[in-house]
Amino acid sequence: MSKDYYKILALSPDAKPAQVKQNAQTILNKTKNEYLTNLQEIKQAYSVIANPKYRKDYDSKSNIRHYQVLRIGIDTEPNLLKSLVQNTVNVLKKEYKNKISEIKEAYSVLGNLEQKASYDDAIFQREYKKSQEKLKHLQTAQAQERKLLLTKMFFSLFFIGLFYFGYNKYQDTILVQDTAVSKIITWFKMILLF
C-alpha cells in the first residue's frame, strides 16, 4: 500500500463519491492530452531530425529541444535514429499506460465505499503505528536523559562527600598545608561547576 490514491486523484480524504468520479475523469483527460501532445512533439521532432537537410539546419542554430523530446543525443547516428525514436515512443506508451492504470486503480478503491473505508483504515493504522514508534523513541530518549542526569548527580554527591569528609579528616590529622591537596581541591571544584 505504497500508493497514495488521494494524491493521485488530487482529493482530500473527506471527498464525496461524485467528486472522486469527477477528479478521476479530469485527470484521465489531462493525462491523455499530455500523452497525445508528447506523441505529436515526437513526430514533429523526428520529421526534423530524420531529414538530413532539416537536421543540418536545425543543428546549426544550436537548438536541442527536438533531441530532448526524442530522448537522444545530438551525435546519434542517422541509421539508429528510427529504432531509438521507436524506443522513446514505447517508453512513453508504457508511462502512459502505467499512469492510466494507477488512476483507474485509485478510482476503483476510492469510488467504492467499502474499499475506501478499508483503505482509510489502513492509512489510519499506518499513521497510528508511526506515531506510536515516535512516542516510544521519545520516551526512550527521555529515559536515557534522566538516567544520565541521575548518574551525574550521584557521582557529584559521592565526590562532594568523599572530598569533604576526606579533606576534613586529612586536615585534622595533618596540619601541614600540602600543595597536592590544594590541587585536588581545585580539581574537584572544577568538576562540581561542570
C-alpha atoms as a PDB file:
ATOM      1  CA  MET A   1       0.000   0.000   0.000  1.00  0.00           C
ATOM      2  CA  SER A   2       2.679   2.486  -1.004  1.00  0.00           C
ATOM      3  CA  LYS A   3       0.409   4.430  -3.364  1.00  0.00           C
ATOM      4  CA  ASP A   4      -1.417   7.491  -2.129  1.00  0.00           C
ATOM      5  CA  TYR A   5      -4.717   7.310  -4.001  1.00  0.00           C
ATOM      6  CA  TYR A   6      -5.865  10.660  -2.643  1.00  0.00           C
ATOM      7  CA  LYS A   7      -2.779  12.304  -4.089  1.00  0.00           C
ATOM      8  CA  ILE A   8      -3.193  10.521  -7.442  1.00  0.00           C
ATOM      9  CA  LEU A   9      -6.738  11.854  -7.786  1.00  0.00           C
ATOM     10  CA  ALA A  10      -5.970  15.206  -6.091  1.00  0.00           C
ATOM     11  CA  LEU A  11      -8.584  14.635  -3.389  1.00  0.00           C
ATOM     12  CA  SER A  12      -8.957  15.166   0.314  1.00  0.00           C
ATOM     13  CA  PRO A  13      -9.925  12.139   2.449  1.00  0.00           C
ATOM     14  CA  ASP A  14     -13.413  13.540   3.036  1.00  0.00           C
ATOM     15  CA  ALA A  15     -14.276  13.833  -0.702  1.00  0.00           C
ATOM     16  CA  LYS A  16     -17.701  12.706  -1.827  1.00  0.00           C
ATOM     17  CA  PRO A  17     -18.123   9.889  -4.410  1.00  0.00           C
ATOM     18  CA  ALA A  18     -19.213  12.406  -7.058  1.00  0.00           C
ATOM     19  CA  GLN A  19     -16.008  14.385  -6.500  1.00  0.00           C
ATOM     20  CA  VAL A  20     -13.969  11.176  -6.811  1.00  0.00           C
ATOM     21  CA  LYS A  21     -15.526  10.415 -10.184  1.00  0.00           C
ATOM     22  CA  GLN A  22     -15.152  13.994 -11.426  1.00  0.00           C
ATOM     23  CA  ASN A  23     -11.472  14.226 -10.423  1.00  0.00           C
ATOM     24  CA  ALA A  24     -10.721  10.820 -11.924  1.00  0.00           C
ATOM     25  CA  GLN A  25     -12.252  11.885 -15.258  1.00  0.00           C
ATOM     26  CA  THR A  26     -10.427  15.217 -15.209  1.00  0.00           C
ATOM     27  CA  ILE A  27      -7.069  13.592 -14.505  1.00  0.00           C
ATOM     28  CA  LEU A  28      -7.663  10.875 -17.114  1.00  0.00           C
ATOM     29  CA  ASN A  29      -8.426  13.530 -19.733  1.00  0.00           C
ATOM     30  CA  LYS A  30      -5.416  15.602 -18.720  1.00  0.00           C
ATOM     31  CA  THR A  31      -3.142  12.554 -18.878  1.00  0.00           C
ATOM     32  CA  LYS A  32      -4.493  11.592 -22.289  1.00  0.00           C
ATOM     33  CA  ASN A  33      -3.981  15.122 -23.613  1.00  0.00           C
ATOM     34  CA  GLU A  34      -0.406  15.192 -22.285  1.00  0.00           C
ATOM     35  CA  TYR A  35       0.270  11.835 -23.929  1.00  0.00           C
ATOM     36  CA  LEU A  36      -1.116  12.964 -27.290  1.00  0.00           C
ATOM     37  CA  THR A  37       0.839  16.220 -27.080  1.00  0.00           C
ATOM     38  CA  ASN A  38       4.034  14.291 -26.345  1.00  0.00           C
ATOM     39  CA  LEU A  39       3.391  11.969 -29.295  1.00  0.00           C
ATOM     40  CA  GLN A  40       2.819  14.980 -31.562  1.00  0.00           C
ATOM     41  CA  GLU A  41       6.080  16.550 -30.354  1.00  0.00           C
ATOM     42  CA  ILE A  42       7.931  13.298 -31.048  1.00  0.00           C
ATOM     43  CA  LYS A  43       6.522  13.137 -34.575  1.00  0.00           C
ATOM     44  CA  GLN A  44       7.473  16.742 -35.243  1.00  0.00           C
ATOM     45  CA  ALA A  45      10.974  16.294 -33.791  1.00  0.00           C
ATOM     46  CA  TYR A  46      11.504  13.092 -35.760  1.00  0.00           C
ATOM     47  CA  SER A  47      10.459  14.759 -39.017  1.00  0.00           C
ATOM     48  CA  VAL A  48      13.139  17.424 -38.467  1.00  0.00           C
ATOM     49  CA  ILE A  49      15.928  15.178 -37.149  1.00  0.00           C
ATOM     50  CA  ALA A  50      15.365  12.317 -39.622  1.00  0.00           C
ATOM     51  CA  ASN A  51      15.725  14.573 -42.674  1.00  0.00           C
ATOM     52  CA  PRO A  52      19.472  15.307 -43.195  1.00  0.00           C
ATOM     53  CA  LYS A  53      18.834  18.771 -44.699  1.00  0.00           C
ATOM     54  CA  TYR A  54      16.494  19.884 -41.893  1.00  0.00           C
ATOM     55  CA  ARG A  55      18.758  18.322 -39.277  1.00  0.00           C
ATOM     56  CA  LYS A  56      21.825  20.218 -40.521  1.00  0.00           C
ATOM     57  CA  ASP A  57      19.891  23.487 -40.473  1.00  0.00           C
ATOM     58  CA  TYR A  58      18.443  22.686 -37.039  1.00  0.00           C
ATOM     59  CA  ASP A  59      21.880  21.788 -35.614  1.00  0.00           C
ATOM     60  CA  SER A  60      23.419  24.988 -36.977  1.00  0.00           C
ATOM     61  CA  LYS A  61      21.011  27.006 -34.830  1.00  0.00           C
ATOM     62  CA  SER A  62      22.341  25.276 -31.670  1.00  0.00           C
ATOM     63  CA  ASN A  63      18.862  24.120 -30.791  1.00  0.00           C
ATOM     64  CA  ILE A  64      18.483  20.895 -28.763  1.00  0.00           C
ATOM     65  CA  ARG A  65      14.759  20.831 -27.968  1.00  0.00           C
ATOM     66  CA  HIS A  66      13.945  18.119 -30.537  1.00  0.00           C
ATOM     67  CA  TYR A  67      16.764  15.939 -29.223  1.00  0.00           C
ATOM     68  CA  GLN A  68      15.353  16.271 -25.724  1.00  0.00           C
ATOM     69  CA  VAL A  69      11.881  15.344 -26.943  1.00  0.00           C
ATOM     70  CA  LEU A  70      13.264  12.275 -28.691  1.00  0.00           C
ATOM     71  CA  ARG A  71      15.482  11.452 -25.696  1.00  0.00           C
ATOM     72  CA  ILE A  72      18.555  11.040 -27.891  1.00  0.00           C
ATOM     73  CA  GLY A  73      21.934  12.696 -28.171  1.00  0.00           C
ATOM     74  CA  ILE A  74      22.970  15.232 -30.793  1.00  0.00           C
ATOM     75  CA  ASP A  75      25.583  12.838 -32.162  1.00  0.00           C
ATOM     76  CA  THR A  76      23.097   9.979 -32.727  1.00  0.00           C
ATOM     77  CA  GLU A  77      23.764   8.118 -35.965  1.00  0.00           C
ATOM     78  CA  PRO A  78      21.005   8.500 -38.606  1.00  0.00           C
ATOM     79  CA  ASN A  79      20.746   4.715 -39.078  1.00  0.00           C
ATOM     80  CA  LEU A  80      19.958   4.296 -35.345  1.00  0.00           C
ATOM     81  CA  LEU A  81      17.520   7.169 -35.228  1.00  0.00           C
ATOM     82  CA  LYS A  82      14.362   5.272 -36.172  1.00  0.00           C
ATOM     83  CA  SER A  83      14.878   2.480 -33.626  1.00  0.00           C
ATOM     84  CA  LEU A  84      15.764   4.962 -30.860  1.00  0.00           C
ATOM     85  CA  VAL A  85      12.694   7.048 -31.605  1.00  0.00           C
ATOM     86  CA  GLN A  86      10.568   3.893 -31.566  1.00  0.00           C
ATOM     87  CA  ASN A  87      12.052   3.065 -28.155  1.00  0.00           C
ATOM     88  CA  THR A  88      11.147   6.568 -26.970  1.00  0.00           C
ATOM     89  CA  VAL A  89       7.573   6.096 -28.183  1.00  0.00           C
ATOM     90  CA  ASN A  90       7.383   2.697 -26.459  1.00  0.00           C
ATOM     91  CA  VAL A  91       8.636   4.194 -23.184  1.00  0.00           C
ATOM     92  CA  LEU A  92       6.100   7.000 -23.497  1.00  0.00           C
ATOM     93  CA  LYS A  93       3.288   4.476 -24.116  1.00  0.00           C
ATOM     94  CA  LYS A  94       4.382   2.431 -21.116  1.00  0.00           C
ATOM     95  CA  GLU A  95       4.462   5.524 -18.884  1.00  0.00           C
ATOM     96  CA  TYR A  96       1.013   6.493 -20.151  1.00  0.00           C
ATOM     97  CA  LYS A  97      -0.441   3.020 -19.535  1.00  0.00           C
ATOM     98  CA  ASN A  98       1.060   2.922 -16.038  1.00  0.00           C
ATOM     99  CA  LYS A  99      -0.384   6.320 -15.197  1.00  0.00           C
ATOM    100  CA  ILE A 100      -3.823   5.361 -16.563  1.00  0.00           C
ATOM    101  CA  SER A 101      -3.848   2.084 -14.626  1.00  0.00           C
ATOM    102  CA  GLU A 102      -2.789   3.964 -11.482  1.00  0.00           C
ATOM    103  CA  ILE A 103      -5.677   6.433 -11.926  1.00  0.00           C
ATOM    104  CA  LYS A 104      -8.154   3.602 -12.565  1.00  0.00           C
ATOM    105  CA  GLU A 105      -6.893   1.708  -9.523  1.00  0.00           C
ATOM    106  CA  ALA A 106      -7.259   4.834  -7.356  1.00  0.00           C
ATOM    107  CA  TYR A 107     -10.773   5.397  -8.683  1.00  0.00           C
ATOM    108  CA  SER A 108     -11.780   1.778  -8.095  1.00  0.00           C
ATOM    109  CA  VAL A 109     -10.647   1.979  -4.480  1.00  0.00           C
ATOM    110  CA  LEU A 110     -11.912   5.460  -3.623  1.00  0.00           C
ATOM    111  CA  GLY A 111     -15.085   5.145  -5.692  1.00  0.00           C
ATOM    112  CA  ASN A 112     -16.265   2.087  -3.749  1.00  0.00           C
ATOM    113  CA  LEU A 113     -17.363   2.981  -0.215  1.00  0.00           C
ATOM    114  CA  GLU A 114     -16.306  -0.348   1.313  1.00  0.00           C
ATOM    115  CA  GLN A 115     -12.876  -0.283  -0.308  1.00  0.00           C
ATOM    116  CA  LYS A 116     -12.455   3.385   0.598  1.00  0.00           C
ATOM    117  CA  ALA A 117     -13.247   2.592   4.236  1.00  0.00           C
ATOM    118  CA  SER A 118     -10.732  -0.241   4.206  1.00  0.00           C
ATOM    119  CA  TYR A 119      -8.112   1.981   2.559  1.00  0.00           C
ATOM    120  CA  ASP A 120      -8.747   4.798   5.048  1.00  0.00           C
ATOM    121  CA  ASP A 121      -8.471   2.325   7.911  1.00  0.00           C
ATOM    122  CA  ALA A 122      -5.135   1.061   6.572  1.00  0.00           C
ATOM    123  CA  ILE A 123      -3.862   4.644   6.326  1.00  0.00           C
ATOM    124  CA  PHE A 124      -5.031   5.320   9.881  1.00  0.00           C
ATOM    125  CA  GLN A 125      -3.334   2.165  11.160  1.00  0.00           C
ATOM    126  CA  ARG A 126      -0.077   3.078   9.388  1.00  0.00           C
ATOM    127  CA  GLU A 127      -0.144   6.636  10.781  1.00  0.00           C
ATOM    128  CA  TYR A 128      -1.018   5.352  14.255  1.00  0.00           C
ATOM    129  CA  LYS A 129       1.893   2.908  14.126  1.00  0.00           C
ATOM    130  CA  LYS A 130       4.258   5.707  13.066  1.00  0.00           C
ATOM    131  CA  SER A 131       3.070   7.919  15.916  1.00  0.00           C
ATOM    132  CA  GLN A 132       3.498   5.071  18.410  1.00  0.00           C
ATOM    133  CA  GLU A 133       7.050   4.466  17.180  1.00  0.00           C
ATOM    134  CA  LYS A 134       7.852   8.180  17.515  1.00  0.00           C
ATOM    135  CA  LEU A 135       6.379   8.238  21.014  1.00  0.00           C
ATOM    136  CA  LYS A 136       8.382   5.161  22.032  1.00  0.00           C
ATOM    137  CA  HIS A 137      11.568   6.713  20.640  1.00  0.00           C
ATOM    138  CA  LEU A 138      10.872   9.951  22.516  1.00  0.00           C
ATOM    139  CA  GLN A 139      10.197   8.096  25.765  1.00  0.00           C
ATOM    140  CA  THR A 140      13.411   6.100  25.377  1.00  0.00           C
ATOM    141  CA  ALA A 141      15.403   9.292  24.795  1.00  0.00           C
ATOM    142  CA  GLN A 142      13.828  10.938  27.840  1.00  0.00           C
ATOM    143  CA  ALA A 143      14.573   7.886  29.997  1.00  0.00           C
ATOM    144  CA  GLN A 144      18.206   7.942  28.873  1.00  0.00           C
ATOM    145  CA  GLU A 145      18.424  11.662  29.693  1.00  0.00           C
ATOM    146  CA  ARG A 146      17.003  11.077  33.180  1.00  0.00           C
ATOM    147  CA  LYS A 147      19.413   8.207  33.756  1.00  0.00           C
ATOM    148  CA  LEU A 148      22.371  10.337  32.700  1.00  0.00           C
ATOM    149  CA  LEU A 149      21.258  13.211  34.919  1.00  0.00           C
ATOM    150  CA  LEU A 150      20.804  10.910  37.926  1.00  0.00           C
ATOM    151  CA  THR A 151      24.222   9.384  37.310  1.00  0.00           C
ATOM    152  CA  LYS A 152      25.837  12.852  37.236  1.00  0.00           C
ATOM    153  CA  MET A 153      24.022  13.832  40.421  1.00  0.00           C
ATOM    154  CA  PHE A 154      25.064  10.618  42.186  1.00  0.00           C
ATOM    155  CA  PHE A 155      28.726  10.984  41.293  1.00  0.00           C
ATOM    156  CA  SER A 156      28.701  14.682  42.173  1.00  0.00           C
ATOM    157  CA  LEU A 157      27.288  13.947  45.633  1.00  0.00           C
ATOM    158  CA  PHE A 158      29.632  11.000  46.049  1.00  0.00           C
ATOM    159  CA  PHE A 159      32.691  13.106  45.270  1.00  0.00           C
ATOM    160  CA  ILE A 160      31.464  16.000  47.430  1.00  0.00           C
ATOM    161  CA  GLY A 161      31.024  13.639  50.370  1.00  0.00           C
ATOM    162  CA  LEU A 162      34.320  11.896  49.720  1.00  0.00           C
ATOM    163  CA  PHE A 163      36.137  15.163  49.334  1.00  0.00           C
ATOM    164  CA  TYR A 164      34.522  16.891  52.317  1.00  0.00           C
ATOM    165  CA  PHE A 165      34.918  14.066  54.791  1.00  0.00           C
ATOM    166  CA  GLY A 166      38.288  13.001  53.465  1.00  0.00           C
ATOM    167  CA  TYR A 167      39.674  16.529  53.427  1.00  0.00           C
ATOM    168  CA  ASN A 168      38.404  17.353  56.934  1.00  0.00           C
ATOM    169  CA  LYS A 169      39.895  14.119  58.266  1.00  0.00           C
ATOM    170  CA  TYR A 170      43.124  14.872  56.477  1.00  0.00           C
ATOM    171  CA  GLN A 171      43.318  18.397  57.973  1.00  0.00           C
ATOM    172  CA  ASP A 172      42.521  17.133  61.459  1.00  0.00           C
ATOM    173  CA  THR A 173      45.390  14.671  61.398  1.00  0.00           C
ATOM    174  CA  ILE A 174      47.967  16.667  59.465  1.00  0.00           C
ATOM    175  CA  LEU A 175      48.072  20.402  59.888  1.00  0.00           C
ATOM    176  CA  VAL A 176      50.636  20.918  57.180  1.00  0.00           C
ATOM    177  CA  GLN A 177      49.326  22.639  54.031  1.00  0.00           C
ATOM    178  CA  ASP A 178      50.163  20.407  51.082  1.00  0.00           C
ATOM    179  CA  THR A 179      50.175  21.728  47.512  1.00  0.00           C
ATOM    180  CA  ALA A 180      48.920  18.421  46.172  1.00  0.00           C
ATOM    181  CA  VAL A 181      45.804  18.679  48.345  1.00  0.00           C
ATOM    182  CA  SER A 182      45.082  22.214  47.105  1.00  0.00           C
ATOM    183  CA  LYS A 183      45.382  20.982  43.514  1.00  0.00           C
ATOM    184  CA  ILE A 184      42.898  18.203  44.223  1.00  0.00           C
ATOM    185  CA  ILE A 185      40.519  20.711  45.820  1.00  0.00           C
ATOM    186  CA  THR A 186      40.727  22.938  42.737  1.00  0.00           C
ATOM    187  CA  TRP A 187      40.150  19.933  40.504  1.00  0.00           C
ATOM    188  CA  PHE A 188      37.037  18.888  42.432  1.00  0.00           C
ATOM    189  CA  LYS A 189      35.683  22.434  42.320  1.00  0.00           C
ATOM    190  CA  MET A 190      36.055  22.429  38.557  1.00  0.00           C
ATOM    191  CA  ILE A 191      34.191  19.102  38.332  1.00  0.00           C
ATOM    192  CA  LEU A 192      31.389  20.367  40.535  1.00  0.00           C
ATOM    193  CA  LEU A 193      30.953  23.509  38.454  1.00  0.00           C
ATOM    194  CA  PHE A 194      30.571  21.394  35.328  1.00  0.00           C
END
